[in-house]
Amino acid sequence: MDRIHSSFNAIDTNKDGVLELGELMEVLGVEPSAFSAEIFRVFDRDEDALIDFVEFVQACTRMCCASQKCLAHFAFRMVDADGSGSLSREEVNLREAVTQN
């Protein structure tokens, strides 16, 4: 758990105890995009536009110990932007546009 906490603290560059999309993208060396925002949204379980330590641990656990079923659920949540549990034509078309850019 100490390694996870150290990783969280390294990403939390402004030391406010939560991760913002910009902090995460900066540390990863990735330009913010619609796709990275969707990944962030999936990890942001309480939908407050921040990832706290508990959400970070949950995300690490899901990504490191994920079964194929869990990874499929993650991929589905990435496309299901409104969280309805089903995919609309607009969500699928938006996802296609995002991944092509």
PDB file of N, CA and C in Angstrom:
ATOM      1  N   MET A   1       0.824  -1.191   0.000  1.00  0.00           N
ATOM      2  CA  MET A   1       0.000   0.000   0.000  1.00  0.00           C
ATOM      3  C   MET A   1       0.872   1.260   0.000  1.00  0.00           C
ATOM      4  N   ASP A   2       2.054   1.176   0.587  1.00  0.00           N
ATOM      5  CA  ASP A   2       2.946   2.334   0.597  1.00  0.00           C
ATOM      6  C   ASP A   2       3.363   2.746  -0.812  1.00  0.00           C
ATOM      7  N   ARG A   3       3.592   1.752  -1.696  1.00  0.00           N
ATOM      8  CA  ARG A   3       3.981   2.066  -3.072  1.00  0.00           C
ATOM      9  C   ARG A   3       2.844   2.769  -3.808  1.00  0.00           C
ATOM     10  N   ILE A   4       1.624   2.317  -3.561  1.00  0.00           N
ATOM     11  CA  ILE A   4       0.469   2.952  -4.209  1.00  0.00           C
ATOM     12  C   ILE A   4       0.314   4.381  -3.694  1.00  0.00           C
ATOM     13  N   HIS A   5       0.467   4.557  -2.396  1.00  0.00           N
ATOM     14  CA  HIS A   5       0.345   5.896  -1.815  1.00  0.00           C
ATOM     15  C   HIS A   5       1.445   6.811  -2.339  1.00  0.00           C
ATOM     16  N   SER A   6       2.669   6.289  -2.471  1.00  0.00           N
ATOM     17  CA  SER A   6       3.771   7.082  -3.026  1.00  0.00           C
ATOM     18  C   SER A   6       3.491   7.479  -4.468  1.00  0.00           C
ATOM     19  N   SER A   7       2.935   6.554  -5.252  1.00  0.00           N
ATOM     20  CA  SER A   7       2.583   6.856  -6.637  1.00  0.00           C
ATOM     21  C   SER A   7       1.520   7.945  -6.700  1.00  0.00           C
ATOM     22  N   PHE A   8       0.500   7.830  -5.856  1.00  0.00           N
ATOM     23  CA  PHE A   8      -0.568   8.830  -5.800  1.00  0.00           C
ATOM     24  C   PHE A   8       0.027  10.204  -5.476  1.00  0.00           C
ATOM     25  N   ASN A   9       0.878  10.241  -4.472  1.00  0.00           N
ATOM     26  CA  ASN A   9       1.484  11.518  -4.066  1.00  0.00           C
ATOM     27  C   ASN A   9       2.360  12.111  -5.164  1.00  0.00           C
ATOM     28  N   ALA A  10       3.031  11.270  -5.927  1.00  0.00           N
ATOM     29  CA  ALA A  10       3.869  11.759  -7.027  1.00  0.00           C
ATOM     30  C   ALA A  10       3.019  12.384  -8.130  1.00  0.00           C
ATOM     31  N   ILE A  11       1.844  11.830  -8.364  1.00  0.00           N
ATOM     32  CA  ILE A  11       0.951  12.371  -9.390  1.00  0.00           C
ATOM     33  C   ILE A  11       0.258  13.639  -8.899  1.00  0.00           C
ATOM     34  N   ASP A  12      -0.024  13.701  -7.607  1.00  0.00           N
ATOM     35  CA  ASP A  12      -0.718  14.848  -7.001  1.00  0.00           C
ATOM     36  C   ASP A  12       0.248  16.019  -6.867  1.00  0.00           C
ATOM     37  N   THR A  13       0.549  16.661  -7.979  1.00  0.00           N
ATOM     38  CA  THR A  13       1.591  17.681  -7.997  1.00  0.00           C
ATOM     39  C   THR A  13       1.257  18.933  -7.191  1.00  0.00           C
ATOM     40  N   ASN A  14      -0.023  19.255  -7.037  1.00  0.00           N
ATOM     41  CA  ASN A  14      -0.372  20.434  -6.241  1.00  0.00           C
ATOM     42  C   ASN A  14      -0.638  20.088  -4.769  1.00  0.00           C
ATOM     43  N   LYS A  15      -0.490  18.811  -4.429  1.00  0.00           N
ATOM     44  CA  LYS A  15      -0.564  18.311  -3.047  1.00  0.00           C
ATOM     45  C   LYS A  15      -1.871  18.663  -2.336  1.00  0.00           C
ATOM     46  N   ASP A  16      -2.987  18.583  -3.086  1.00  0.00           N
ATOM     47  CA  ASP A  16      -4.282  18.857  -2.460  1.00  0.00           C
ATOM     48  C   ASP A  16      -5.031  17.583  -2.071  1.00  0.00           C
ATOM     49  N   GLY A  17      -4.404  16.424  -2.274  1.00  0.00           N
ATOM     50  CA  GLY A  17      -5.005  15.162  -1.841  1.00  0.00           C
ATOM     51  C   GLY A  17      -5.936  14.515  -2.848  1.00  0.00           C
ATOM     52  N   VAL A  18      -6.076  15.116  -4.021  1.00  0.00           N
ATOM     53  CA  VAL A  18      -6.899  14.550  -5.088  1.00  0.00           C
ATOM     54  C   VAL A  18      -6.181  14.767  -6.419  1.00  0.00           C
ATOM     55  N   LEU A  19      -6.541  13.944  -7.398  1.00  0.00           N
ATOM     56  CA  LEU A  19      -5.944  14.070  -8.722  1.00  0.00           C
ATOM     57  C   LEU A  19      -6.940  14.707  -9.677  1.00  0.00           C
ATOM     58  N   GLU A  20      -6.457  15.668 -10.417  1.00  0.00           N
ATOM     59  CA  GLU A  20      -7.241  16.298 -11.477  1.00  0.00           C
ATOM     60  C   GLU A  20      -6.750  15.741 -12.801  1.00  0.00           C
ATOM     61  N   LEU A  21      -7.576  15.835 -13.821  1.00  0.00           N
ATOM     62  CA  LEU A  21      -7.217  15.321 -15.132  1.00  0.00           C
ATOM     63  C   LEU A  21      -5.873  15.891 -15.597  1.00  0.00           C
ATOM     64  N   GLY A  22      -5.680  17.178 -15.451  1.00  0.00           N
ATOM     65  CA  GLY A  22      -4.442  17.816 -15.899  1.00  0.00           C
ATOM     66  C   GLY A  22      -3.205  17.259 -15.214  1.00  0.00           C
ATOM     67  N   GLU A  23      -3.292  17.013 -13.909  1.00  0.00           N
ATOM     68  CA  GLU A  23      -2.162  16.446 -13.173  1.00  0.00           C
ATOM     69  C   GLU A  23      -1.797  15.071 -13.719  1.00  0.00           C
ATOM     70  N   LEU A  24      -2.809  14.258 -13.909  1.00  0.00           N
ATOM     71  CA  LEU A  24      -2.579  12.905 -14.388  1.00  0.00           C
ATOM     72  C   LEU A  24      -1.972  12.922 -15.791  1.00  0.00           C
ATOM     73  N   MET A  25      -2.498  13.747 -16.662  1.00  0.00           N
ATOM     74  CA  MET A  25      -1.991  13.817 -18.032  1.00  0.00           C
ATOM     75  C   MET A  25      -0.553  14.349 -18.059  1.00  0.00           C
ATOM     76  N   GLU A  26      -0.260  15.328 -17.206  1.00  0.00           N
ATOM     77  CA  GLU A  26       1.085  15.891 -17.143  1.00  0.00           C
ATOM     78  C   GLU A  26       2.104  14.846 -16.710  1.00  0.00           C
ATOM     79  N   VAL A  27       1.782  14.101 -15.667  1.00  0.00           N
ATOM     80  CA  VAL A  27       2.702  13.086 -15.163  1.00  0.00           C
ATOM     81  C   VAL A  27       2.897  11.970 -16.184  1.00  0.00           C
ATOM     82  N   LEU A  28       1.823  11.613 -16.895  1.00  0.00           N
ATOM     83  CA  LEU A  28       1.918  10.560 -17.903  1.00  0.00           C
ATOM     84  C   LEU A  28       2.539  11.065 -19.206  1.00  0.00           C
ATOM     85  N   GLY A  29       2.674  12.385 -19.343  1.00  0.00           N
ATOM     86  CA  GLY A  29       3.228  12.953 -20.561  1.00  0.00           C
ATOM     87  C   GLY A  29       2.286  12.829 -21.744  1.00  0.00           C
ATOM     88  N   VAL A  30       0.990  12.911 -21.453  1.00  0.00           N
ATOM     89  CA  VAL A  30      -0.039  12.749 -22.480  1.00  0.00           C
ATOM     90  C   VAL A  30      -0.808  14.066 -22.602  1.00  0.00           C
ATOM     91  N   GLU A  31      -1.105  14.446 -23.831  1.00  0.00           N
ATOM     92  CA  GLU A  31      -1.929  15.630 -24.056  1.00  0.00           C
ATOM     93  C   GLU A  31      -3.374  15.321 -23.667  1.00  0.00           C
ATOM     94  N   PRO A  32      -4.028  16.206 -22.930  1.00  0.00           N
ATOM     95  CA  PRO A  32      -5.445  15.992 -22.626  1.00  0.00           C
ATOM     96  C   PRO A  32      -6.264  15.887 -23.906  1.00  0.00           C
ATOM     97  N   SER A  33      -7.193  14.961 -23.923  1.00  0.00           N
ATOM     98  CA  SER A  33      -8.047  14.743 -25.088  1.00  0.00           C
ATOM     99  C   SER A  33      -9.391  14.236 -24.608  1.00  0.00           C
ATOM    100  N   ALA A  34     -10.322  14.116 -25.514  1.00  0.00           N
ATOM    101  CA  ALA A  34     -11.625  13.555 -25.165  1.00  0.00           C
ATOM    102  C   ALA A  34     -11.464  12.122 -24.671  1.00  0.00           C
ATOM    103  N   PHE A  35     -10.547  11.378 -25.276  1.00  0.00           N
ATOM    104  CA  PHE A  35     -10.322   9.991 -24.880  1.00  0.00           C
ATOM    105  C   PHE A  35      -9.754   9.910 -23.459  1.00  0.00           C
ATOM    106  N   SER A  36      -8.742  10.728 -23.146  1.00  0.00           N
ATOM    107  CA  SER A  36      -8.174  10.694 -21.793  1.00  0.00           C
ATOM    108  C   SER A  36      -9.199  11.166 -20.761  1.00  0.00           C
ATOM    109  N   ALA A  37     -10.043  12.114 -21.133  1.00  0.00           N
ATOM    110  CA  ALA A  37     -11.101  12.562 -20.222  1.00  0.00           C
ATOM    111  C   ALA A  37     -12.093  11.445 -19.935  1.00  0.00           C
ATOM    112  N   GLU A  38     -12.371  10.612 -20.931  1.00  0.00           N
ATOM    113  CA  GLU A  38     -13.279   9.477 -20.716  1.00  0.00           C
ATOM    114  C   GLU A  38     -12.661   8.444 -19.785  1.00  0.00           C
ATOM    115  N   ILE A  39     -11.370   8.167 -19.944  1.00  0.00           N
ATOM    116  CA  ILE A  39     -10.702   7.241 -19.032  1.00  0.00           C
ATOM    117  C   ILE A  39     -10.770   7.786 -17.613  1.00  0.00           C
ATOM    118  N   PHE A  40     -10.475   9.064 -17.455  1.00  0.00           N
ATOM    119  CA  PHE A  40     -10.535   9.704 -16.150  1.00  0.00           C
ATOM    120  C   PHE A  40     -11.940   9.582 -15.560  1.00  0.00           C
ATOM    121  N   ARG A  41     -12.953   9.819 -16.392  1.00  0.00           N
ATOM    122  CA  ARG A  41     -14.348   9.755 -15.937  1.00  0.00           C
ATOM    123  C   ARG A  41     -14.691   8.359 -15.411  1.00  0.00           C
ATOM    124  N   VAL A  42     -14.190   7.334 -16.066  1.00  0.00           N
ATOM    125  CA  VAL A  42     -14.481   5.967 -15.627  1.00  0.00           C
ATOM    126  C   VAL A  42     -13.877   5.706 -14.246  1.00  0.00           C
ATOM    127  N   PHE A  43     -12.699   6.247 -13.985  1.00  0.00           N
ATOM    128  CA  PHE A  43     -12.062   6.049 -12.685  1.00  0.00           C
ATOM    129  C   PHE A  43     -12.663   6.935 -11.600  1.00  0.00           C
ATOM    130  N   ASP A  44     -13.292   8.010 -11.986  1.00  0.00           N
ATOM    131  CA  ASP A  44     -13.901   8.967 -11.051  1.00  0.00           C
ATOM    132  C   ASP A  44     -15.281   8.453 -10.639  1.00  0.00           C
ATOM    133  N   ARG A  45     -15.313   7.540  -9.686  1.00  0.00           N
ATOM    134  CA  ARG A  45     -16.533   6.826  -9.320  1.00  0.00           C
ATOM    135  C   ARG A  45     -17.630   7.739  -8.777  1.00  0.00           C
ATOM    136  N   ASP A  46     -17.268   8.786  -8.032  1.00  0.00           N
ATOM    137  CA  ASP A  46     -18.300   9.664  -7.463  1.00  0.00           C
ATOM    138  C   ASP A  46     -18.609  10.867  -8.361  1.00  0.00           C
ATOM    139  N   GLU A  47     -17.991  10.907  -9.535  1.00  0.00           N
ATOM    140  CA  GLU A  47     -18.273  11.908 -10.563  1.00  0.00           C
ATOM    141  C   GLU A  47     -18.114  13.355 -10.078  1.00  0.00           C
ATOM    142  N   ASP A  48     -17.037  13.595  -9.302  1.00  0.00           N
ATOM    143  CA  ASP A  48     -16.774  14.960  -8.843  1.00  0.00           C
ATOM    144  C   ASP A  48     -15.629  15.621  -9.610  1.00  0.00           C
ATOM    145  N   ALA A  49     -15.217  15.000 -10.724  1.00  0.00           N
ATOM    146  CA  ALA A  49     -14.129  15.496 -11.584  1.00  0.00           C
ATOM    147  C   ALA A  49     -12.775  15.455 -10.880  1.00  0.00           C
ATOM    148  N   LEU A  50     -12.665  14.627  -9.848  1.00  0.00           N
ATOM    149  CA  LEU A  50     -11.420  14.426  -9.107  1.00  0.00           C
ATOM    150  C   LEU A  50     -11.274  12.938  -8.802  1.00  0.00           C
ATOM    151  N   ILE A  51     -10.049  12.478  -8.690  1.00  0.00           N
ATOM    152  CA  ILE A  51      -9.806  11.104  -8.258  1.00  0.00           C
ATOM    153  C   ILE A  51      -9.131  11.178  -6.901  1.00  0.00           C
ATOM    154  N   ASP A  52      -9.840  10.705  -5.877  1.00  0.00           N
ATOM    155  CA  ASP A  52      -9.247  10.681  -4.541  1.00  0.00           C
ATOM    156  C   ASP A  52      -8.443   9.389  -4.380  1.00  0.00           C
ATOM    157  N   PHE A  53      -7.817   9.221  -3.233  1.00  0.00           N
ATOM    158  CA  PHE A  53      -6.941   8.066  -3.032  1.00  0.00           C
ATOM    159  C   PHE A  53      -7.699   6.748  -3.139  1.00  0.00           C
ATOM    160  N   VAL A  54      -8.900   6.681  -2.595  1.00  0.00           N
ATOM    161  CA  VAL A  54      -9.692   5.448  -2.665  1.00  0.00           C
ATOM    162  C   VAL A  54      -9.997   5.100  -4.117  1.00  0.00           C
ATOM    163  N   GLU A  55     -10.411   6.078  -4.905  1.00  0.00           N
ATOM    164  CA  GLU A  55     -10.684   5.837  -6.323  1.00  0.00           C
ATOM    165  C   GLU A  55      -9.408   5.410  -7.059  1.00  0.00           C
ATOM    166  N   PHE A  56      -8.279   5.990  -6.691  1.00  0.00           N
ATOM    167  CA  PHE A  56      -7.002   5.633  -7.293  1.00  0.00           C
ATOM    168  C   PHE A  56      -6.658   4.174  -7.002  1.00  0.00           C
ATOM    169  N   VAL A  57      -6.834   3.763  -5.747  1.00  0.00           N
ATOM    170  CA  VAL A  57      -6.570   2.366  -5.373  1.00  0.00           C
ATOM    171  C   VAL A  57      -7.509   1.438  -6.136  1.00  0.00           C
ATOM    172  N   GLN A  58      -8.773   1.808  -6.207  1.00  0.00           N
ATOM    173  CA  GLN A  58      -9.733   0.983  -6.949  1.00  0.00           C
ATOM    174  C   GLN A  58      -9.336   0.870  -8.417  1.00  0.00           C
ATOM    175  N   ALA A  59      -8.905   1.964  -9.016  1.00  0.00           N
ATOM    176  CA  ALA A  59      -8.497   1.948 -10.425  1.00  0.00           C
ATOM    177  C   ALA A  59      -7.263   1.073 -10.618  1.00  0.00           C
ATOM    178  N   CYS A  60      -6.286   1.214  -9.739  1.00  0.00           N
ATOM    179  CA  CYS A  60      -5.073   0.387  -9.833  1.00  0.00           C
ATOM    180  C   CYS A  60      -5.411  -1.087  -9.695  1.00  0.00           C
ATOM    181  N   THR A  61      -6.271  -1.406  -8.754  1.00  0.00           N
ATOM    182  CA  THR A  61      -6.662  -2.793  -8.528  1.00  0.00           C
ATOM    183  C   THR A  61      -7.388  -3.350  -9.739  1.00  0.00           C
ATOM    184  N   ARG A  62      -8.316  -2.573 -10.276  1.00  0.00           N
ATOM    185  CA  ARG A  62      -9.073  -3.037 -11.454  1.00  0.00           C
ATOM    186  C   ARG A  62      -8.162  -3.257 -12.646  1.00  0.00           C
ATOM    187  N   MET A  63      -7.208  -2.370 -12.864  1.00  0.00           N
ATOM    188  CA  MET A  63      -6.353  -2.479 -14.044  1.00  0.00           C
ATOM    189  C   MET A  63      -5.297  -3.575 -13.874  1.00  0.00           C
ATOM    190  N   CYS A  64      -4.828  -3.792 -12.674  1.00  0.00           N
ATOM    191  CA  CYS A  64      -3.767  -4.790 -12.448  1.00  0.00           C
ATOM    192  C   CYS A  64      -4.307  -6.199 -12.283  1.00  0.00           C
ATOM    193  N   CYS A  65      -5.494  -6.329 -11.779  1.00  0.00           N
ATOM    194  CA  CYS A  65      -6.038  -7.649 -11.444  1.00  0.00           C
ATOM    195  C   CYS A  65      -7.289  -7.967 -12.252  1.00  0.00           C
ATOM    196  N   ALA A  66      -7.463  -7.294 -13.345  1.00  0.00           N
ATOM    197  CA  ALA A  66      -8.712  -7.409 -14.091  1.00  0.00           C
ATOM    198  C   ALA A  66      -8.793  -8.691 -14.913  1.00  0.00           C
ATOM    199  N   SER A  67      -9.949  -9.289 -14.842  1.00  0.00           N
ATOM    200  CA  SER A  67     -10.252 -10.423 -15.706  1.00  0.00           C
ATOM    201  C   SER A  67     -10.702  -9.873 -17.060  1.00  0.00           C
ATOM    202  N   GLN A  68     -10.874 -10.751 -18.019  1.00  0.00           N
ATOM    203  CA  GLN A  68     -11.382 -10.302 -19.319  1.00  0.00           C
ATOM    204  C   GLN A  68     -12.762  -9.677 -19.165  1.00  0.00           C
ATOM    205  N   LYS A  69     -13.575 -10.226 -18.275  1.00  0.00           N
ATOM    206  CA  LYS A  69     -14.910  -9.679 -18.057  1.00  0.00           C
ATOM    207  C   LYS A  69     -14.817  -8.250 -17.506  1.00  0.00           C
ATOM    208  N   CYS A  70     -13.915  -8.028 -16.562  1.00  0.00           N
ATOM    209  CA  CYS A  70     -13.746  -6.685 -15.992  1.00  0.00           C
ATOM    210  C   CYS A  70     -13.224  -5.706 -17.031  1.00  0.00           C
ATOM    211  N   LEU A  71     -12.286  -6.156 -17.857  1.00  0.00           N
ATOM    212  CA  LEU A  71     -11.764  -5.275 -18.900  1.00  0.00           C
ATOM    213  C   LEU A  71     -12.840  -4.945 -19.929  1.00  0.00           C
ATOM    214  N   ALA A  72     -13.699  -5.916 -20.235  1.00  0.00           N
ATOM    215  CA  ALA A  72     -14.806  -5.656 -21.160  1.00  0.00           C
ATOM    216  C   ALA A  72     -15.769  -4.639 -20.557  1.00  0.00           C
ATOM    217  N   HIS A  73     -16.041  -4.765 -19.248  1.00  0.00           N
ATOM    218  CA  HIS A  73     -16.914  -3.803 -18.571  1.00  0.00           C
ATOM    219  C   HIS A  73     -16.291  -2.410 -18.592  1.00  0.00           C
ATOM    220  N   PHE A  74     -14.986  -2.334 -18.380  1.00  0.00           N
ATOM    221  CA  PHE A  74     -14.274  -1.056 -18.441  1.00  0.00           C
ATOM    222  C   PHE A  74     -14.423  -0.436 -19.828  1.00  0.00           C
ATOM    223  N   ALA A  75     -14.203  -1.232 -20.866  1.00  0.00           N
ATOM    224  CA  ALA A  75     -14.327  -0.731 -22.239  1.00  0.00           C
ATOM    225  C   ALA A  75     -15.747  -0.250 -22.516  1.00  0.00           C
ATOM    226  N   PHE A  76     -16.736  -0.983 -22.020  1.00  0.00           N
ATOM    227  CA  PHE A  76     -18.133  -0.574 -22.210  1.00  0.00           C
ATOM    228  C   PHE A  76     -18.389   0.764 -21.534  1.00  0.00           C
ATOM    229  N   ARG A  77     -17.913   0.921 -20.301  1.00  0.00           N
ATOM    230  CA  ARG A  77     -18.116   2.181 -19.575  1.00  0.00           C
ATOM    231  C   ARG A  77     -17.443   3.348 -20.285  1.00  0.00           C
ATOM    232  N   MET A  78     -16.354   3.065 -20.988  1.00  0.00           N
ATOM    233  CA  MET A  78     -15.674   4.115 -21.743  1.00  0.00           C
ATOM    234  C   MET A  78     -16.577   4.668 -22.843  1.00  0.00           C
ATOM    235  N   VAL A  79     -17.377   3.814 -23.439  1.00  0.00           N
ATOM    236  CA  VAL A  79     -18.247   4.233 -24.537  1.00  0.00           C
ATOM    237  C   VAL A  79     -19.584   4.760 -24.021  1.00  0.00           C
ATOM    238  N   ASP A  80     -20.067   4.218 -22.913  1.00  0.00           N
ATOM    239  CA  ASP A  80     -21.363   4.591 -22.341  1.00  0.00           C
ATOM    240  C   ASP A  80     -21.237   5.922 -21.589  1.00  0.00           C
ATOM    241  N   ALA A  81     -21.097   7.005 -22.339  1.00  0.00           N
ATOM    242  CA  ALA A  81     -20.804   8.324 -21.757  1.00  0.00           C
ATOM    243  C   ALA A  81     -21.861   8.810 -20.784  1.00  0.00           C
ATOM    244  N   ASP A  82     -23.131   8.484 -21.019  1.00  0.00           N
ATOM    245  CA  ASP A  82     -24.181   8.971 -20.131  1.00  0.00           C
ATOM    246  C   ASP A  82     -24.463   8.023 -18.968  1.00  0.00           C
ATOM    247  N   GLY A  83     -23.758   6.885 -18.922  1.00  0.00           N
ATOM    248  CA  GLY A  83     -23.917   5.940 -17.813  1.00  0.00           C
ATOM    249  C   GLY A  83     -25.253   5.234 -17.787  1.00  0.00           C
ATOM    250  N   SER A  84     -25.932   5.169 -18.920  1.00  0.00           N
ATOM    251  CA  SER A  84     -27.266   4.580 -18.964  1.00  0.00           C
ATOM    252  C   SER A  84     -27.270   3.058 -18.926  1.00  0.00           C
ATOM    253  N   GLY A  85     -26.131   2.441 -19.210  1.00  0.00           N
ATOM    254  CA  GLY A  85     -26.083   0.988 -19.266  1.00  0.00           C
ATOM    255  C   GLY A  85     -26.376   0.430 -20.644  1.00  0.00           C
ATOM    256  N   SER A  86     -26.631   1.321 -21.581  1.00  0.00           N
ATOM    257  CA  SER A  86     -26.818   0.903 -22.973  1.00  0.00           C
ATOM    258  C   SER A  86     -26.139   1.938 -23.863  1.00  0.00           C
ATOM    259  N   LEU A  87     -25.831   1.520 -25.098  1.00  0.00           N
ATOM    260  CA  LEU A  87     -25.121   2.412 -26.011  1.00  0.00           C
ATOM    261  C   LEU A  87     -26.074   2.989 -27.037  1.00  0.00           C
ATOM    262  N   SER A  88     -26.044   4.285 -27.143  1.00  0.00           N
ATOM    263  CA  SER A  88     -26.827   4.953 -28.187  1.00  0.00           C
ATOM    264  C   SER A  88     -25.977   5.049 -29.450  1.00  0.00           C
ATOM    265  N   ARG A  89     -26.622   5.300 -30.548  1.00  0.00           N
ATOM    266  CA  ARG A  89     -25.904   5.474 -31.814  1.00  0.00           C
ATOM    267  C   ARG A  89     -24.924   6.649 -31.695  1.00  0.00           C
ATOM    268  N   GLU A  90     -25.321   7.700 -31.006  1.00  0.00           N
ATOM    269  CA  GLU A  90     -24.463   8.873 -30.848  1.00  0.00           C
ATOM    270  C   GLU A  90     -23.199   8.532 -30.066  1.00  0.00           C
ATOM    271  N   GLU A  91     -23.330   7.731 -28.997  1.00  0.00           N
ATOM    272  CA  GLU A  91     -22.157   7.352 -28.216  1.00  0.00           C
ATOM    273  C   GLU A  91     -21.185   6.527 -29.052  1.00  0.00           C
ATOM    274  N   VAL A  92     -21.685   5.610 -29.824  1.00  0.00           N
ATOM    275  CA  VAL A  92     -20.824   4.781 -30.670  1.00  0.00           C
ATOM    276  C   VAL A  92     -20.165   5.646 -31.742  1.00  0.00           C
ATOM    277  N   ASN A  93     -20.917   6.528 -32.358  1.00  0.00           N
ATOM    278  CA  ASN A  93     -20.348   7.407 -33.385  1.00  0.00           C
ATOM    279  C   ASN A  93     -19.314   8.352 -32.798  1.00  0.00           C
ATOM    280  N   LEU A  94     -19.561   8.890 -31.595  1.00  0.00           N
ATOM    281  CA  LEU A  94     -18.607   9.774 -30.938  1.00  0.00           C
ATOM    282  C   LEU A  94     -17.328   9.014 -30.636  1.00  0.00           C
ATOM    283  N   ARG A  95     -17.453   7.808 -30.142  1.00  0.00           N
ATOM    284  CA  ARG A  95     -16.276   7.005 -29.799  1.00  0.00           C
ATOM    285  C   ARG A  95     -15.452   6.714 -31.047  1.00  0.00           C
ATOM    286  N   GLU A  96     -16.118   6.424 -32.153  1.00  0.00           N
ATOM    287  CA  GLU A  96     -15.390   6.184 -33.404  1.00  0.00           C
ATOM    288  C   GLU A  96     -14.627   7.441 -33.824  1.00  0.00           C
ATOM    289  N   ALA A  97     -15.256   8.611 -33.689  1.00  0.00           N
ATOM    290  CA  ALA A  97     -14.612   9.864 -34.059  1.00  0.00           C
ATOM    291  C   ALA A  97     -13.421  10.154 -33.155  1.00  0.00           C
ATOM    292  N   VAL A  98     -13.543   9.904 -31.870  1.00  0.00           N
ATOM    293  CA  VAL A  98     -12.456  10.162 -30.913  1.00  0.00           C
ATOM    294  C   VAL A  98     -11.268   9.263 -31.191  1.00  0.00           C
ATOM    295  N   THR A  99     -11.495   7.993 -31.448  1.00  0.00           N
ATOM    296  CA  THR A  99     -10.390   7.060 -31.638  1.00  0.00           C
ATOM    297  C   THR A  99      -9.721   7.224 -33.000  1.00  0.00           C
ATOM    298  N   GLN A 100     -10.386   7.863 -33.944  1.00  0.00           N
ATOM    299  CA  GLN A 100      -9.765   8.095 -35.246  1.00  0.00           C
ATOM    300  C   GLN A 100      -8.877   9.321 -35.259  1.00  0.00           C
ATOM    301  N   ASN A 101      -9.030  10.195 -34.268  1.00  0.00           N
ATOM    302  CA  ASN A 101      -8.212  11.435 -34.216  1.00  0.00           C
ATOM    303  C   ASN A 101      -6.995  11.260 -33.414  1.00  0.00           C
TER     304      ASN A 101
END
